[in-house]
Amino acid sequence: MKAAQQLAFAILLIVFISTGYAGISMITDSTGSSLGLPVYLLNGTMFHDYQFPGYIIIGVGLTALVALFALWKRWSKFHVYLIVHGALLALVVIAQMIIIGEEYILQYVFLMLGMSLTILGGLLSQVKIKSHQAPAHKH
């Protein structure tokens, strides 16, 4: 299952770096122009600029960092962090799609990354359970 852990690590790293960059860009340039985000996407939403969504994206990135650290340090429940972060990422993307009313390929990429992390976390939890239930030795 080392390959599953390495894949999860790579996905978390990608999510952390990309959400960090996007979140900081949205906070420092609340018009969204530095990321090529049109202002009209905010029409009809509760947001008047991209600053608050930037903070949300930073929050998603920080949860990726915590999950990354848990996986790296092999915390006993690291798989739970993968599942929770994957679900959070998927939910944020779905909420974004609903709120702005438009869909973009990058949203589907991050939705798939979130779902992948959730699946990998579940898979790794099953491997951990099976390794603790090793059969008794026959003499």
C-alpha atoms as a PDB file:
ATOM      1  CA  MET A   1       0.000   0.000   0.000  1.00  0.00           C
ATOM      2  CA  LYS A   2       3.024   2.230  -0.205  1.00  0.00           C
ATOM      3  CA  ALA A   3       1.896   3.295  -3.690  1.00  0.00           C
ATOM      4  CA  ALA A   4      -1.484   4.445  -2.307  1.00  0.00           C
ATOM      5  CA  GLN A   5       0.261   6.476   0.379  1.00  0.00           C
ATOM      6  CA  GLN A   6       2.618   8.028  -2.174  1.00  0.00           C
ATOM      7  CA  LEU A   7      -0.298   8.899  -4.449  1.00  0.00           C
ATOM      8  CA  ALA A   8      -2.188  10.474  -1.541  1.00  0.00           C
ATOM      9  CA  PHE A   9       0.941  12.431  -0.576  1.00  0.00           C
ATOM     10  CA  ALA A  10       1.337  13.734  -4.152  1.00  0.00           C
ATOM     11  CA  ILE A  11      -2.328  14.754  -4.390  1.00  0.00           C
ATOM     12  CA  LEU A  12      -2.201  16.537  -1.034  1.00  0.00           C
ATOM     13  CA  LEU A  13       0.952  18.382  -2.055  1.00  0.00           C
ATOM     14  CA  ILE A  14      -0.662  19.524  -5.315  1.00  0.00           C
ATOM     15  CA  VAL A  15      -3.796  20.654  -3.469  1.00  0.00           C
ATOM     16  CA  PHE A  16      -1.790  22.465  -0.793  1.00  0.00           C
ATOM     17  CA  ILE A  17       0.407  24.353  -3.267  1.00  0.00           C
ATOM     18  CA  SER A  18      -2.405  25.258  -5.669  1.00  0.00           C
ATOM     19  CA  THR A  19      -4.880  26.346  -2.992  1.00  0.00           C
ATOM     20  CA  GLY A  20      -2.153  28.332  -1.245  1.00  0.00           C
ATOM     21  CA  TYR A  21      -1.307  30.169  -4.442  1.00  0.00           C
ATOM     22  CA  ALA A  22      -4.934  30.750  -5.436  1.00  0.00           C
ATOM     23  CA  GLY A  23      -6.046  31.744  -1.937  1.00  0.00           C
ATOM     24  CA  ILE A  24      -3.223  34.240  -1.432  1.00  0.00           C
ATOM     25  CA  SER A  25      -3.818  35.671  -4.916  1.00  0.00           C
ATOM     26  CA  MET A  26      -7.531  36.101  -4.196  1.00  0.00           C
ATOM     27  CA  ILE A  27      -6.830  37.816  -0.874  1.00  0.00           C
ATOM     28  CA  THR A  28      -4.129  40.164  -2.182  1.00  0.00           C
ATOM     29  CA  ASP A  29      -6.003  40.945  -5.406  1.00  0.00           C
ATOM     30  CA  SER A  30      -9.675  40.735  -4.502  1.00  0.00           C
ATOM     31  CA  THR A  31     -10.680  41.656  -8.064  1.00  0.00           C
ATOM     32  CA  GLY A  32      -9.544  38.214  -9.221  1.00  0.00           C
ATOM     33  CA  SER A  33      -7.713  39.650 -12.214  1.00  0.00           C
ATOM     34  CA  SER A  34      -4.345  38.167 -11.190  1.00  0.00           C
ATOM     35  CA  LEU A  35      -5.903  34.705 -11.563  1.00  0.00           C
ATOM     36  CA  GLY A  36      -7.995  35.605 -14.582  1.00  0.00           C
ATOM     37  CA  LEU A  37     -11.225  35.348 -12.585  1.00  0.00           C
ATOM     38  CA  PRO A  38     -13.949  37.529 -14.032  1.00  0.00           C
ATOM     39  CA  VAL A  39     -15.876  39.673 -11.538  1.00  0.00           C
ATOM     40  CA  TYR A  40     -19.186  38.671 -13.136  1.00  0.00           C
ATOM     41  CA  LEU A  41     -18.826  35.212 -11.554  1.00  0.00           C
ATOM     42  CA  LEU A  42     -19.694  36.853  -8.236  1.00  0.00           C
ATOM     43  CA  ASN A  43     -22.963  38.347  -9.552  1.00  0.00           C
ATOM     44  CA  GLY A  44     -25.883  36.916  -7.619  1.00  0.00           C
ATOM     45  CA  THR A  45     -23.644  35.515  -4.880  1.00  0.00           C
ATOM     46  CA  MET A  46     -23.135  36.709  -1.329  1.00  0.00           C
ATOM     47  CA  PHE A  47     -19.591  37.867  -2.221  1.00  0.00           C
ATOM     48  CA  HIS A  48     -18.735  41.334  -3.524  1.00  0.00           C
ATOM     49  CA  ASP A  49     -15.102  40.421  -4.263  1.00  0.00           C
ATOM     50  CA  TYR A  50     -12.765  37.411  -4.122  1.00  0.00           C
ATOM     51  CA  GLN A  51     -11.210  38.160  -0.725  1.00  0.00           C
ATOM     52  CA  PHE A  52     -13.496  36.010   1.450  1.00  0.00           C
ATOM     53  CA  PRO A  53     -13.511  33.102  -1.041  1.00  0.00           C
ATOM     54  CA  GLY A  54      -9.708  33.391  -0.888  1.00  0.00           C
ATOM     55  CA  TYR A  55      -9.826  32.784   2.855  1.00  0.00           C
ATOM     56  CA  ILE A  56     -12.018  29.735   2.279  1.00  0.00           C
ATOM     57  CA  ILE A  57      -9.517  28.408  -0.258  1.00  0.00           C
ATOM     58  CA  ILE A  58      -6.672  29.027   2.228  1.00  0.00           C
ATOM     59  CA  GLY A  59      -8.673  27.016   4.798  1.00  0.00           C
ATOM     60  CA  VAL A  60      -8.944  24.123   2.348  1.00  0.00           C
ATOM     61  CA  GLY A  61      -5.196  24.367   1.773  1.00  0.00           C
ATOM     62  CA  LEU A  62      -4.496  24.273   5.490  1.00  0.00           C
ATOM     63  CA  THR A  63      -6.563  21.113   5.894  1.00  0.00           C
ATOM     64  CA  ALA A  64      -4.485  19.615   3.075  1.00  0.00           C
ATOM     65  CA  LEU A  65      -1.348  20.582   5.006  1.00  0.00           C
ATOM     66  CA  VAL A  66      -2.638  18.884   8.169  1.00  0.00           C
ATOM     67  CA  ALA A  67      -3.510  15.720   6.216  1.00  0.00           C
ATOM     68  CA  LEU A  68      -0.103  15.861   4.513  1.00  0.00           C
ATOM     69  CA  PHE A  69       1.635  16.109   7.880  1.00  0.00           C
ATOM     70  CA  ALA A  70      -0.478  13.274   9.326  1.00  0.00           C
ATOM     71  CA  LEU A  71       0.414  11.044   6.388  1.00  0.00           C
ATOM     72  CA  TRP A  72       4.108  11.984   6.489  1.00  0.00           C
ATOM     73  CA  LYS A  73       4.368  11.357  10.246  1.00  0.00           C
ATOM     74  CA  ARG A  74       2.238   8.195   9.957  1.00  0.00           C
ATOM     75  CA  TRP A  75      -0.188   9.262  12.653  1.00  0.00           C
ATOM     76  CA  SER A  76      -2.302   6.314  13.733  1.00  0.00           C
ATOM     77  CA  LYS A  77      -5.455   7.807  12.178  1.00  0.00           C
ATOM     78  CA  PHE A  78      -3.859   9.447   9.121  1.00  0.00           C
ATOM     79  CA  HIS A  79      -6.428   7.780   6.871  1.00  0.00           C
ATOM     80  CA  VAL A  80      -9.196   9.735   8.654  1.00  0.00           C
ATOM     81  CA  TYR A  81      -7.436  12.994   7.725  1.00  0.00           C
ATOM     82  CA  LEU A  82      -7.366  11.873   4.091  1.00  0.00           C
ATOM     83  CA  ILE A  83     -11.069  11.049   4.116  1.00  0.00           C
ATOM     84  CA  VAL A  84     -12.068  14.295   5.839  1.00  0.00           C
ATOM     85  CA  HIS A  85      -9.907  16.483   3.618  1.00  0.00           C
ATOM     86  CA  GLY A  86     -11.059  14.712   0.460  1.00  0.00           C
ATOM     87  CA  ALA A  87     -14.706  15.147   1.420  1.00  0.00           C
ATOM     88  CA  LEU A  88     -14.140  18.807   2.350  1.00  0.00           C
ATOM     89  CA  LEU A  89     -12.418  19.509  -0.954  1.00  0.00           C
ATOM     90  CA  ALA A  90     -15.214  17.855  -2.923  1.00  0.00           C
ATOM     91  CA  LEU A  91     -17.895  19.732  -0.960  1.00  0.00           C
ATOM     92  CA  VAL A  92     -16.196  23.101  -1.472  1.00  0.00           C
ATOM     93  CA  VAL A  93     -15.962  22.476  -5.217  1.00  0.00           C
ATOM     94  CA  ILE A  94     -19.606  21.408  -5.441  1.00  0.00           C
ATOM     95  CA  ALA A  95     -20.677  24.466  -3.425  1.00  0.00           C
ATOM     96  CA  GLN A  96     -18.617  26.661  -5.732  1.00  0.00           C
ATOM     97  CA  MET A  97     -20.296  25.143  -8.806  1.00  0.00           C
ATOM     98  CA  ILE A  98     -23.732  25.734  -7.304  1.00  0.00           C
ATOM     99  CA  ILE A  99     -23.009  29.275  -6.085  1.00  0.00           C
ATOM    100  CA  ILE A 100     -21.481  30.635  -9.283  1.00  0.00           C
ATOM    101  CA  GLY A 101     -23.755  28.614 -11.564  1.00  0.00           C
ATOM    102  CA  GLU A 102     -20.974  27.823 -14.012  1.00  0.00           C
ATOM    103  CA  GLU A 103     -18.633  24.883 -14.327  1.00  0.00           C
ATOM    104  CA  TYR A 104     -14.996  24.792 -15.376  1.00  0.00           C
ATOM    105  CA  ILE A 105     -12.605  21.917 -16.058  1.00  0.00           C
ATOM    106  CA  LEU A 106     -10.429  22.866 -13.077  1.00  0.00           C
ATOM    107  CA  GLN A 107     -13.406  22.369 -10.772  1.00  0.00           C
ATOM    108  CA  TYR A 108     -13.810  18.828 -12.064  1.00  0.00           C
ATOM    109  CA  VAL A 109     -10.085  18.190 -11.602  1.00  0.00           C
ATOM    110  CA  PHE A 110     -10.260  19.243  -7.942  1.00  0.00           C
ATOM    111  CA  LEU A 111     -13.513  17.354  -7.448  1.00  0.00           C
ATOM    112  CA  MET A 112     -11.762  14.208  -8.690  1.00  0.00           C
ATOM    113  CA  LEU A 113      -8.765  14.900  -6.447  1.00  0.00           C
ATOM    114  CA  GLY A 114     -11.074  15.200  -3.440  1.00  0.00           C
ATOM    115  CA  MET A 115     -12.885  12.005  -4.318  1.00  0.00           C
ATOM    116  CA  SER A 116      -9.550  10.245  -4.871  1.00  0.00           C
ATOM    117  CA  LEU A 117      -8.299  11.273  -1.438  1.00  0.00           C
ATOM    118  CA  THR A 118     -11.496  10.024   0.166  1.00  0.00           C
ATOM    119  CA  ILE A 119     -11.194   6.683  -1.624  1.00  0.00           C
ATOM    120  CA  LEU A 120      -7.485   6.361  -0.821  1.00  0.00           C
ATOM    121  CA  GLY A 121      -8.202   7.118   2.844  1.00  0.00           C
ATOM    122  CA  GLY A 122     -10.859   4.419   2.913  1.00  0.00           C
ATOM    123  CA  LEU A 123      -8.569   1.947   1.179  1.00  0.00           C
ATOM    124  CA  LEU A 124      -5.706   2.672   3.558  1.00  0.00           C
ATOM    125  CA  SER A 125      -7.996   2.289   6.569  1.00  0.00           C
ATOM    126  CA  GLN A 126      -9.001  -1.179   5.357  1.00  0.00           C
ATOM    127  CA  VAL A 127      -5.370  -2.188   4.894  1.00  0.00           C
ATOM    128  CA  LYS A 128      -4.607  -0.961   8.407  1.00  0.00           C
ATOM    129  CA  ILE A 129      -7.533  -2.938   9.860  1.00  0.00           C
ATOM    130  CA  LYS A 130      -6.491  -6.129   8.032  1.00  0.00           C
ATOM    131  CA  SER A 131      -2.876  -5.785   9.169  1.00  0.00           C
ATOM    132  CA  HIS A 132      -4.060  -5.636  12.799  1.00  0.00           C
ATOM    133  CA  GLN A 133      -6.194  -8.747  12.318  1.00  0.00           C
ATOM    134  CA  ALA A 134      -3.393 -11.053  11.221  1.00  0.00           C
ATOM    135  CA  PRO A 135      -4.346 -14.725  11.489  1.00  0.00           C
ATOM    136  CA  ALA A 136      -2.968 -16.764  14.359  1.00  0.00           C
ATOM    137  CA  HIS A 137       0.023 -18.955  13.561  1.00  0.00           C
ATOM    138  CA  LYS A 138      -0.610 -22.706  13.288  1.00  0.00           C
ATOM    139  CA  HIS A 139       1.841 -24.927  15.147  1.00  0.00           C
END
